[in-house]
C-alpha atoms as a PDB file:
ATOM      1  CA  MET A   1     -32.996  67.640 -87.950  1.00  0.00           C
ATOM      2  CA  THR A   2     -35.036  65.039 -86.076  1.00  0.00           C
ATOM      3  CA  ASP A   3     -35.341  61.283 -86.340  1.00  0.00           C
ATOM      4  CA  THR A   4     -39.007  61.634 -87.339  1.00  0.00           C
ATOM      5  CA  PRO A   5     -39.711  60.236 -90.821  1.00  0.00           C
ATOM      6  CA  GLU A   6     -40.430  62.903 -93.416  1.00  0.00           C
ATOM      7  CA  ALA A   7     -43.828  61.321 -94.149  1.00  0.00           C
ATOM      8  CA  VAL A   8     -45.119  62.625 -90.825  1.00  0.00           C
ATOM      9  CA  CYS A   9     -43.154  65.877 -90.649  1.00  0.00           C
ATOM     10  CA  PRO A  10     -44.808  68.844 -92.337  1.00  0.00           C
ATOM     11  CA  ASP A  11     -42.527  70.878 -94.535  1.00  0.00           C
ATOM     12  CA  THR A  12     -41.913  74.561 -93.855  1.00  0.00           C
ATOM     13  CA  ALA A  13     -44.484  75.733 -96.419  1.00  0.00           C
ATOM     14  CA  THR A  14     -47.135  73.448 -94.911  1.00  0.00           C
ATOM     15  CA  ALA A  15     -46.386  74.645 -91.401  1.00  0.00           C
ATOM     16  CA  ALA A  16     -46.544  78.298 -92.400  1.00  0.00           C
ATOM     17  CA  SER A  17     -49.540  78.394 -94.718  1.00  0.00           C
ATOM     18  CA  PRO A  18     -52.497  76.084 -94.074  1.00  0.00           C
ATOM     19  CA  ASP A  19     -55.598  76.368 -96.264  1.00  0.00           C
ATOM     20  CA  LEU A  20     -57.751  76.051 -93.127  1.00  0.00           C
ATOM     21  CA  THR A  21     -57.066  76.268 -89.397  1.00  0.00           C
ATOM     22  CA  ILE A  22     -59.508  74.588 -87.019  1.00  0.00           C
ATOM     23  CA  ASP A  23     -59.694  75.546 -83.352  1.00  0.00           C
ATOM     24  CA  GLY A  24     -60.464  72.281 -81.597  1.00  0.00           C
ATOM     25  CA  THR A  25     -59.268  73.385 -78.157  1.00  0.00           C
ATOM     26  CA  GLY A  26     -61.439  71.964 -75.409  1.00  0.00           C
ATOM     27  CA  LEU A  27     -62.849  69.248 -77.686  1.00  0.00           C
ATOM     28  CA  LEU A  28     -62.132  65.585 -77.147  1.00  0.00           C
ATOM     29  CA  CYS A  29     -61.987  62.727 -79.652  1.00  0.00           C
ATOM     30  CA  VAL A  30     -65.507  62.514 -81.083  1.00  0.00           C
ATOM     31  CA  GLN A  31     -66.293  66.217 -80.990  1.00  0.00           C
ATOM     32  CA  LEU A  32     -62.914  67.051 -82.516  1.00  0.00           C
ATOM     33  CA  LEU A  33     -63.391  64.590 -85.386  1.00  0.00           C
ATOM     34  CA  LEU A  34     -66.986  65.727 -86.009  1.00  0.00           C
ATOM     35  CA  LYS A  35     -65.871  69.365 -86.210  1.00  0.00           C
ATOM     36  CA  LEU A  36     -62.914  68.452 -88.419  1.00  0.00           C
ATOM     37  CA  ARG A  37     -65.055  66.426 -90.817  1.00  0.00           C
ATOM     38  CA  ALA A  38     -67.679  69.177 -91.101  1.00  0.00           C
ATOM     39  CA  ARG A  39     -65.126  71.946 -91.689  1.00  0.00           C
ATOM     40  CA  ILE A  40     -63.166  70.092 -94.405  1.00  0.00           C
ATOM     41  CA  ALA A  41     -66.182  68.897 -96.401  1.00  0.00           C
ATOM     42  CA  HIS A  42     -65.995  71.834 -98.848  1.00  0.00           C
ATOM     43  CA  LEU A  43     -62.215  71.882 -99.299  1.00  0.00           C
ATOM     44  CA  PRO A  44     -60.463  70.579-102.415  1.00  0.00           C
ATOM     45  CA  ALA A  45     -58.043  67.671-102.519  1.00  0.00           C
ATOM     46  CA  GLY A  46     -54.545  68.698-101.521  1.00  0.00           C
ATOM     47  CA  ALA A  47     -55.736  71.329 -99.057  1.00  0.00           C
ATOM     48  CA  VAL A  48     -53.642  71.497 -95.882  1.00  0.00           C
ATOM     49  CA  VAL A  49     -55.511  71.737 -92.588  1.00  0.00           C
ATOM     50  CA  HIS A  50     -54.069  72.657 -89.190  1.00  0.00           C
ATOM     51  CA  ILE A  51     -55.924  71.477 -86.103  1.00  0.00           C
ATOM     52  CA  HIS A  52     -55.295  73.252 -82.788  1.00  0.00           C
ATOM     53  CA  THR A  53     -56.180  70.895 -79.956  1.00  0.00           C
ATOM     54  CA  THR A  54     -55.815  70.253 -76.258  1.00  0.00           C
ATOM     55  CA  ASP A  55     -56.973  66.627 -76.572  1.00  0.00           C
ATOM     56  CA  PRO A  56     -54.206  64.400 -75.167  1.00  0.00           C
ATOM     57  CA  ALA A  57     -55.336  61.573 -77.471  1.00  0.00           C
ATOM     58  CA  ALA A  58     -55.031  63.659 -80.663  1.00  0.00           C
ATOM     59  CA  PRO A  59     -51.555  62.281 -81.542  1.00  0.00           C
ATOM     60  CA  LEU A  60     -53.209  58.852 -81.742  1.00  0.00           C
ATOM     61  CA  ASP A  61     -56.697  59.762 -82.975  1.00  0.00           C
ATOM     62  CA  LEU A  62     -55.748  62.043 -85.867  1.00  0.00           C
ATOM     63  CA  PRO A  63     -53.319  59.642 -87.605  1.00  0.00           C
ATOM     64  CA  ALA A  64     -55.789  56.771 -87.129  1.00  0.00           C
ATOM     65  CA  TRP A  65     -58.652  58.824 -88.575  1.00  0.00           C
ATOM     66  CA  CYS A  66     -56.482  59.898 -91.518  1.00  0.00           C
ATOM     67  CA  HIS A  67     -55.548  56.269 -92.152  1.00  0.00           C
ATOM     68  CA  LEU A  68     -59.249  55.317 -92.089  1.00  0.00           C
ATOM     69  CA  THR A  69     -60.376  58.119 -94.407  1.00  0.00           C
ATOM     70  CA  GLY A  70     -57.371  58.270 -96.735  1.00  0.00           C
ATOM     71  CA  HIS A  71     -56.254  61.778 -95.789  1.00  0.00           C
ATOM     72  CA  ALA A  72     -52.513  62.251 -95.265  1.00  0.00           C
ATOM     73  CA  TYR A  73     -51.458  62.872 -91.672  1.00  0.00           C
ATOM     74  CA  LEU A  74     -48.543  65.317 -91.789  1.00  0.00           C
ATOM     75  CA  GLY A  75     -47.748  65.334 -88.092  1.00  0.00           C
ATOM     76  CA  GLN A  76     -47.257  67.919 -85.401  1.00  0.00           C
ATOM     77  CA  VAL A  77     -46.603  71.492 -86.468  1.00  0.00           C
ATOM     78  CA  PRO A  78     -44.211  73.630 -84.411  1.00  0.00           C
ATOM     79  CA  TYR A  79     -46.224  76.147 -82.406  1.00  0.00           C
ATOM     80  CA  GLU A  80     -45.003  78.691 -79.865  1.00  0.00           C
ATOM     81  CA  ALA A  81     -47.870  78.495 -77.369  1.00  0.00           C
ATOM     82  CA  THR A  82     -47.687  75.757 -74.759  1.00  0.00           C
ATOM     83  CA  ASP A  83     -51.420  75.508 -74.035  1.00  0.00           C
ATOM     84  CA  ARG A  84     -52.186  73.431 -77.155  1.00  0.00           C
ATOM     85  CA  GLU A  85     -50.693  71.283 -79.885  1.00  0.00           C
ATOM     86  CA  VAL A  86     -51.102  71.806 -83.625  1.00  0.00           C
ATOM     87  CA  TYR A  87     -51.314  68.962 -86.129  1.00  0.00           C
ATOM     88  CA  ALA A  88     -51.500  69.051 -89.917  1.00  0.00           C
ATOM     89  CA  LEU A  89     -53.161  66.902 -92.534  1.00  0.00           C
ATOM     90  CA  ARG A  90     -53.522  67.034 -96.312  1.00  0.00           C
ATOM     91  CA  LEU A  91     -56.885  66.157 -97.838  1.00  0.00           C
ATOM     92  CA  THR A  92     -57.307  63.349-100.325  1.00  0.00           C
ATOM     93  CA  SER A  93     -59.414  63.515-103.482  1.00  0.00           C
ATOM     94  CA  ALA A  94     -61.571  60.519-102.523  1.00  0.00           C
ATOM     95  CA  PRO A  95     -61.943  60.216 -98.748  1.00  0.00           C
ATOM     96  CA  VAL A  96     -63.631  57.159 -97.295  1.00  0.00           C
ATOM     97  CA  PRO A  97     -66.970  58.353 -95.872  1.00  0.00           C
ATOM     98  CA  THR A  98     -67.534  57.849 -92.151  1.00  0.00           C
ATOM     99  CA  ARG A  99     -70.723  57.380 -90.167  1.00  0.00           C
ATOM    100  CA  PRO A 100     -72.530  60.653 -89.406  1.00  0.00           C
ATOM    101  CA  ASP A 101     -72.523  60.058 -85.636  1.00  0.00           C
ATOM    102  CA  ARG A 102     -69.335  57.981 -85.404  1.00  0.00           C
ATOM    103  CA  PRO A 103     -66.524  59.521 -87.424  1.00  0.00           C
ATOM    104  CA  TRP A 104     -64.142  56.729 -86.457  1.00  0.00           C
ATOM    105  CA  HIS A 105     -66.307  54.115 -88.290  1.00  0.00           C
ATOM    106  CA  PRO A 106     -66.595  53.813 -92.081  1.00  0.00           C
ATOM    107  CA  ALA A 107     -70.057  54.615 -93.398  1.00  0.00           C
ATOM    108  CA  PRO A 108     -72.016  51.541 -94.456  1.00  0.00           C
ATOM    109  CA  ALA A 109     -71.838  50.854 -98.162  1.00  0.00           C
ATOM    110  CA  ALA A 110     -74.972  51.938-100.010  1.00  0.00           C
ATOM    111  CA  ASP A 111     -77.333  49.068-100.616  1.00  0.00           C
ATOM    112  CA  THR A 112     -77.174  48.456-104.362  1.00  0.00           C
ATOM    113  CA  HIS A 113     -80.727  47.095-104.424  1.00  0.00           C
ATOM    114  CA  THR A 114     -82.599  49.679-102.365  1.00  0.00           C
ATOM    115  CA  GLY A 115     -80.154  52.563-102.204  1.00  0.00           C
ATOM    116  CA  THR A 116     -80.728  52.938 -98.466  1.00  0.00           C
ATOM    117  CA  GLY A 117     -77.378  51.671 -97.248  1.00  0.00           C
ATOM    118  CA  THR A 118     -79.020  49.645 -94.463  1.00  0.00           C
ATOM    119  CA  GLY A 119     -78.841  46.173 -95.980  1.00  0.00           C
ATOM    120  CA  THR A 120     -76.636  44.189 -98.303  1.00  0.00           C
ATOM    121  CA  SER A 121     -77.282  42.911-101.778  1.00  0.00           C
ATOM    122  CA  THR A 122     -77.115  39.157-102.177  1.00  0.00           C
ATOM    123  CA  GLY A 123     -76.388  39.407-105.881  1.00  0.00           C
ATOM    124  CA  THR A 124     -79.541  37.403-106.659  1.00  0.00           C
ATOM    125  CA  GLY A 125     -81.968  40.295-107.038  1.00  0.00           C
ATOM    126  CA  THR A 126     -82.987  40.202-103.380  1.00  0.00           C
ATOM    127  CA  SER A 127     -81.807  42.270-100.495  1.00  0.00           C
ATOM    128  CA  THR A 128     -81.052  41.457 -96.886  1.00  0.00           C
ATOM    129  CA  GLY A 129     -81.331  43.912 -94.051  1.00  0.00           C
ATOM    130  CA  THR A 130     -83.906  46.579 -93.354  1.00  0.00           C
ATOM    131  CA  ASP A 131     -85.171  49.143 -95.836  1.00  0.00           C
END
């Protein structure tokens, strides 16, 4: 048993049977998150995803991205190979959308007046920003 809190330690079933495994070896932060976001878009809430990565920043980036989007970061998964690390996450039912080109930033809220998402409603029937 380790001193790692259970909230970030995947259980045996999670470690053994992911719903999706993503090979992110050779990808760094942005590319890894873009691939992850694209691959999980069709999966249902509760799905467990394993990410294989060689990115040294993944132990920081993945929990931060999960915190931003609402997905549950399950932590590192034991893996026999030494050329990569494997991390697990569980998908939420209502993830916070992120920007198409910047997955570490929340997507702008849709503009309630124009529907374009590029401005903000003033609540007075007018809109600020660009349409």
